[in-house]
Amino acid sequence: MPNIKSQKDRVVQAKKEALHNKVVKSNLKTVVKKANAAIDSKTVVKVAVSAIDSAKSKGVIHKNTAARKISRMAKRANKAAAQ
């Protein structure tokens, strides 16, 4: 446990940020799973892409990870639409 006041504050902030990131990641996983289940639905895929972009902008996931997830989802959606 830190003795310096500013470091004590940082510990509290880090816990809050970790909890927030966990919530965002959990929601992201849920939305992506739903989108993969209903890949032929354009609206569900749009919601998932929006959630991925939101997580990226908040710094929860890396920008390249977000791009990879969106790209793979779009590829699956286009393949499902072609069939």
N, C-alpha and C. Protein backbone atom coordinates (compact mmCIF):
# COMPACT_ATOMS: atom_id res chain seq x y z
N MET A 1 0.85 -1.18 0.00
CA MET A 1 0.00 0.00 0.00
C MET A 1 0.89 1.24 0.00
N PRO A 2 0.59 2.20 -0.87
CA PRO A 2 1.43 3.40 -0.93
C PRO A 2 1.23 4.32 0.27
N ASN A 3 2.27 5.09 0.56
CA ASN A 3 2.21 6.05 1.66
C ASN A 3 1.91 7.46 1.16
N ILE A 4 2.22 7.74 -0.10
CA ILE A 4 2.04 9.07 -0.66
C ILE A 4 0.57 9.26 -1.06
N LYS A 5 0.02 10.42 -0.72
CA LYS A 5 -1.40 10.68 -0.95
C LYS A 5 -1.78 10.55 -2.42
N SER A 6 -0.97 11.10 -3.31
CA SER A 6 -1.31 11.04 -4.73
C SER A 6 -1.31 9.60 -5.25
N GLN A 7 -0.44 8.78 -4.69
CA GLN A 7 -0.41 7.38 -5.11
C GLN A 7 -1.60 6.60 -4.55
N LYS A 8 -2.05 7.00 -3.36
CA LYS A 8 -3.26 6.39 -2.82
C LYS A 8 -4.45 6.70 -3.72
N ASP A 9 -4.51 7.96 -4.20
CA ASP A 9 -5.58 8.35 -5.12
C ASP A 9 -5.50 7.57 -6.41
N ARG A 10 -4.29 7.36 -6.91
CA ARG A 10 -4.11 6.61 -8.16
C ARG A 10 -4.58 5.17 -8.01
N VAL A 11 -4.39 4.58 -6.84
CA VAL A 11 -4.86 3.21 -6.60
C VAL A 11 -6.38 3.15 -6.72
N VAL A 12 -7.05 4.14 -6.13
CA VAL A 12 -8.51 4.20 -6.20
C VAL A 12 -8.96 4.41 -7.64
N GLN A 13 -8.30 5.33 -8.35
CA GLN A 13 -8.64 5.60 -9.75
C GLN A 13 -8.42 4.37 -10.62
N ALA A 14 -7.33 3.67 -10.38
CA ALA A 14 -7.03 2.48 -11.17
C ALA A 14 -8.10 1.42 -10.99
N LYS A 15 -8.60 1.27 -9.76
CA LYS A 15 -9.68 0.30 -9.50
C LYS A 15 -10.95 0.69 -10.25
N LYS A 16 -11.28 1.99 -10.23
CA LYS A 16 -12.46 2.48 -10.93
C LYS A 16 -12.33 2.23 -12.44
N GLU A 17 -11.16 2.58 -12.99
CA GLU A 17 -10.93 2.41 -14.42
C GLU A 17 -10.98 0.94 -14.81
N ALA A 18 -10.42 0.09 -13.98
CA ALA A 18 -10.43 -1.35 -14.27
C ALA A 18 -11.85 -1.88 -14.29
N LEU A 19 -12.67 -1.43 -13.36
CA LEU A 19 -14.07 -1.86 -13.31
C LEU A 19 -14.82 -1.37 -14.55
N HIS A 20 -14.59 -0.12 -14.92
CA HIS A 20 -15.24 0.44 -16.11
C HIS A 20 -14.83 -0.32 -17.36
N ASN A 21 -13.53 -0.59 -17.50
CA ASN A 21 -13.04 -1.33 -18.65
C ASN A 21 -13.64 -2.73 -18.69
N LYS A 22 -13.81 -3.34 -17.54
CA LYS A 22 -14.38 -4.68 -17.47
C LYS A 22 -15.83 -4.66 -17.97
N VAL A 23 -16.58 -3.65 -17.58
CA VAL A 23 -17.97 -3.52 -18.01
C VAL A 23 -18.04 -3.33 -19.52
N VAL A 24 -17.19 -2.47 -20.05
CA VAL A 24 -17.19 -2.20 -21.49
C VAL A 24 -16.80 -3.45 -22.27
N LYS A 25 -15.77 -4.16 -21.81
CA LYS A 25 -15.32 -5.38 -22.49
C LYS A 25 -16.40 -6.46 -22.44
N SER A 26 -17.07 -6.59 -21.30
CA SER A 26 -18.12 -7.59 -21.16
C SER A 26 -19.26 -7.30 -22.12
N ASN A 27 -19.67 -6.04 -22.18
CA ASN A 27 -20.73 -5.64 -23.11
C ASN A 27 -20.29 -5.88 -24.55
N LEU A 28 -19.06 -5.59 -24.84
CA LEU A 28 -18.52 -5.78 -26.19
C LEU A 28 -18.58 -7.26 -26.59
N LYS A 29 -18.18 -8.13 -25.68
CA LYS A 29 -18.20 -9.57 -25.96
C LYS A 29 -19.63 -10.04 -26.22
N THR A 30 -20.58 -9.54 -25.43
CA THR A 30 -21.98 -9.92 -25.58
C THR A 30 -22.51 -9.49 -26.94
N VAL A 31 -22.24 -8.25 -27.31
CA VAL A 31 -22.75 -7.72 -28.58
C VAL A 31 -22.13 -8.46 -29.76
N VAL A 32 -20.83 -8.74 -29.68
CA VAL A 32 -20.15 -9.44 -30.77
C VAL A 32 -20.69 -10.87 -30.89
N LYS A 33 -20.95 -11.50 -29.76
CA LYS A 33 -21.48 -12.87 -29.78
C LYS A 33 -22.87 -12.89 -30.44
N LYS A 34 -23.71 -11.89 -30.10
CA LYS A 34 -25.04 -11.80 -30.71
C LYS A 34 -24.93 -11.54 -32.21
N ALA A 35 -23.97 -10.70 -32.60
CA ALA A 35 -23.79 -10.39 -34.01
C ALA A 35 -23.33 -11.62 -34.77
N ASN A 36 -22.46 -12.41 -34.18
CA ASN A 36 -21.99 -13.63 -34.84
C ASN A 36 -23.11 -14.64 -34.98
N ALA A 37 -24.01 -14.66 -34.01
CA ALA A 37 -25.14 -15.60 -34.07
C ALA A 37 -26.13 -15.19 -35.16
N ALA A 38 -26.32 -13.88 -35.32
CA ALA A 38 -27.26 -13.38 -36.33
C ALA A 38 -26.50 -12.56 -37.36
N ILE A 39 -25.51 -13.18 -37.98
CA ILE A 39 -24.59 -12.47 -38.88
C ILE A 39 -25.30 -11.95 -40.13
N ASP A 40 -26.43 -12.56 -40.50
CA ASP A 40 -27.14 -12.12 -41.70
C ASP A 40 -27.95 -10.84 -41.47
N SER A 41 -28.15 -10.45 -40.21
CA SER A 41 -28.89 -9.23 -39.88
C SER A 41 -27.95 -8.02 -39.90
N LYS A 42 -28.22 -7.08 -40.78
CA LYS A 42 -27.37 -5.89 -40.92
C LYS A 42 -27.40 -5.02 -39.67
N THR A 43 -28.57 -4.92 -39.03
CA THR A 43 -28.68 -4.03 -37.88
C THR A 43 -27.86 -4.53 -36.70
N VAL A 44 -27.84 -5.84 -36.50
CA VAL A 44 -27.08 -6.41 -35.38
C VAL A 44 -25.58 -6.21 -35.63
N VAL A 45 -25.15 -6.37 -36.86
CA VAL A 45 -23.74 -6.17 -37.19
C VAL A 45 -23.37 -4.70 -37.00
N LYS A 46 -24.27 -3.79 -37.39
CA LYS A 46 -24.00 -2.35 -37.20
C LYS A 46 -23.83 -2.02 -35.73
N VAL A 47 -24.67 -2.59 -34.88
CA VAL A 47 -24.58 -2.35 -33.43
C VAL A 47 -23.25 -2.86 -32.90
N ALA A 48 -22.82 -4.04 -33.38
CA ALA A 48 -21.56 -4.61 -32.92
C ALA A 48 -20.38 -3.75 -33.36
N VAL A 49 -20.41 -3.29 -34.60
CA VAL A 49 -19.32 -2.43 -35.10
C VAL A 49 -19.28 -1.13 -34.30
N SER A 50 -20.44 -0.59 -33.99
CA SER A 50 -20.51 0.63 -33.19
C SER A 50 -19.92 0.40 -31.80
N ALA A 51 -20.23 -0.75 -31.20
CA ALA A 51 -19.70 -1.06 -29.87
C ALA A 51 -18.19 -1.23 -29.90
N ILE A 52 -17.68 -1.85 -30.97
CA ILE A 52 -16.23 -2.02 -31.11
C ILE A 52 -15.56 -0.65 -31.25
N ASP A 53 -16.13 0.22 -32.08
CA ASP A 53 -15.57 1.57 -32.25
C ASP A 53 -15.61 2.36 -30.94
N SER A 54 -16.68 2.19 -30.19
CA SER A 54 -16.80 2.88 -28.91
C SER A 54 -15.72 2.42 -27.94
N ALA A 55 -15.51 1.10 -27.88
CA ALA A 55 -14.48 0.57 -26.98
C ALA A 55 -13.10 1.04 -27.41
N LYS A 56 -12.90 1.14 -28.72
CA LYS A 56 -11.62 1.63 -29.23
C LYS A 56 -11.40 3.08 -28.84
N SER A 57 -12.42 3.91 -28.99
CA SER A 57 -12.27 5.33 -28.70
C SER A 57 -12.07 5.58 -27.21
N LYS A 58 -12.60 4.69 -26.37
CA LYS A 58 -12.41 4.83 -24.92
C LYS A 58 -11.07 4.27 -24.46
N GLY A 59 -10.35 3.62 -25.37
CA GLY A 59 -9.04 3.08 -25.02
C GLY A 59 -9.10 1.74 -24.33
N VAL A 60 -10.25 1.07 -24.41
CA VAL A 60 -10.40 -0.22 -23.76
C VAL A 60 -9.71 -1.31 -24.57
N ILE A 61 -9.83 -1.22 -25.91
CA ILE A 61 -9.12 -2.15 -26.78
C ILE A 61 -8.24 -1.36 -27.74
N HIS A 62 -7.22 -2.00 -28.24
CA HIS A 62 -6.27 -1.36 -29.15
C HIS A 62 -6.93 -1.12 -30.50
N LYS A 63 -6.48 -0.07 -31.20
CA LYS A 63 -7.11 0.28 -32.48
C LYS A 63 -6.94 -0.82 -33.51
N ASN A 64 -5.82 -1.52 -33.51
CA ASN A 64 -5.61 -2.60 -34.47
C ASN A 64 -6.52 -3.80 -34.15
N THR A 65 -6.73 -4.05 -32.87
CA THR A 65 -7.65 -5.13 -32.46
C THR A 65 -9.06 -4.81 -32.94
N ALA A 66 -9.46 -3.55 -32.78
CA ALA A 66 -10.79 -3.14 -33.22
C ALA A 66 -10.92 -3.29 -34.73
N ALA A 67 -9.91 -2.87 -35.46
CA ALA A 67 -9.93 -2.97 -36.92
C ALA A 67 -10.01 -4.43 -37.35
N ARG A 68 -9.28 -5.29 -36.67
CA ARG A 68 -9.28 -6.72 -37.01
C ARG A 68 -10.66 -7.33 -36.77
N LYS A 69 -11.26 -7.00 -35.62
CA LYS A 69 -12.58 -7.54 -35.29
C LYS A 69 -13.63 -7.06 -36.28
N ILE A 70 -13.59 -5.78 -36.63
CA ILE A 70 -14.56 -5.23 -37.58
C ILE A 70 -14.38 -5.86 -38.95
N SER A 71 -13.13 -6.01 -39.37
CA SER A 71 -12.84 -6.58 -40.68
C SER A 71 -13.34 -8.01 -40.78
N ARG A 72 -13.07 -8.79 -39.76
CA ARG A 72 -13.50 -10.20 -39.77
C ARG A 72 -15.02 -10.31 -39.75
N MET A 73 -15.66 -9.42 -38.97
CA MET A 73 -17.12 -9.46 -38.90
C MET A 73 -17.72 -9.06 -40.25
N ALA A 74 -17.17 -8.04 -40.89
CA ALA A 74 -17.67 -7.62 -42.19
C ALA A 74 -17.49 -8.71 -43.23
N LYS A 75 -16.36 -9.40 -43.15
CA LYS A 75 -16.09 -10.50 -44.08
C LYS A 75 -17.13 -11.61 -43.91
N ARG A 76 -17.43 -11.97 -42.66
CA ARG A 76 -18.45 -13.00 -42.40
C ARG A 76 -19.83 -12.53 -42.84
N ALA A 77 -20.14 -11.26 -42.59
CA ALA A 77 -21.45 -10.74 -42.97
C ALA A 77 -21.63 -10.72 -44.48
N ASN A 78 -20.58 -10.32 -45.19
CA ASN A 78 -20.65 -10.31 -46.66
C ASN A 78 -20.77 -11.71 -47.22
N LYS A 79 -20.08 -12.65 -46.60
CA LYS A 79 -20.16 -14.04 -47.05
C LYS A 79 -21.56 -14.60 -46.81
N ALA A 80 -22.17 -14.27 -45.67
CA ALA A 80 -23.52 -14.73 -45.37
C ALA A 80 -24.54 -14.08 -46.30
N ALA A 81 -24.32 -12.82 -46.65
CA ALA A 81 -25.25 -12.12 -47.53
C ALA A 81 -25.17 -12.67 -48.96
N ALA A 82 -24.00 -13.14 -49.35
CA ALA A 82 -23.82 -13.69 -50.71
C ALA A 82 -24.52 -15.02 -50.90
N GLN A 83 -24.74 -15.74 -49.81
CA GLN A 83 -25.34 -17.07 -49.93
C GLN A 83 -26.83 -17.05 -49.92
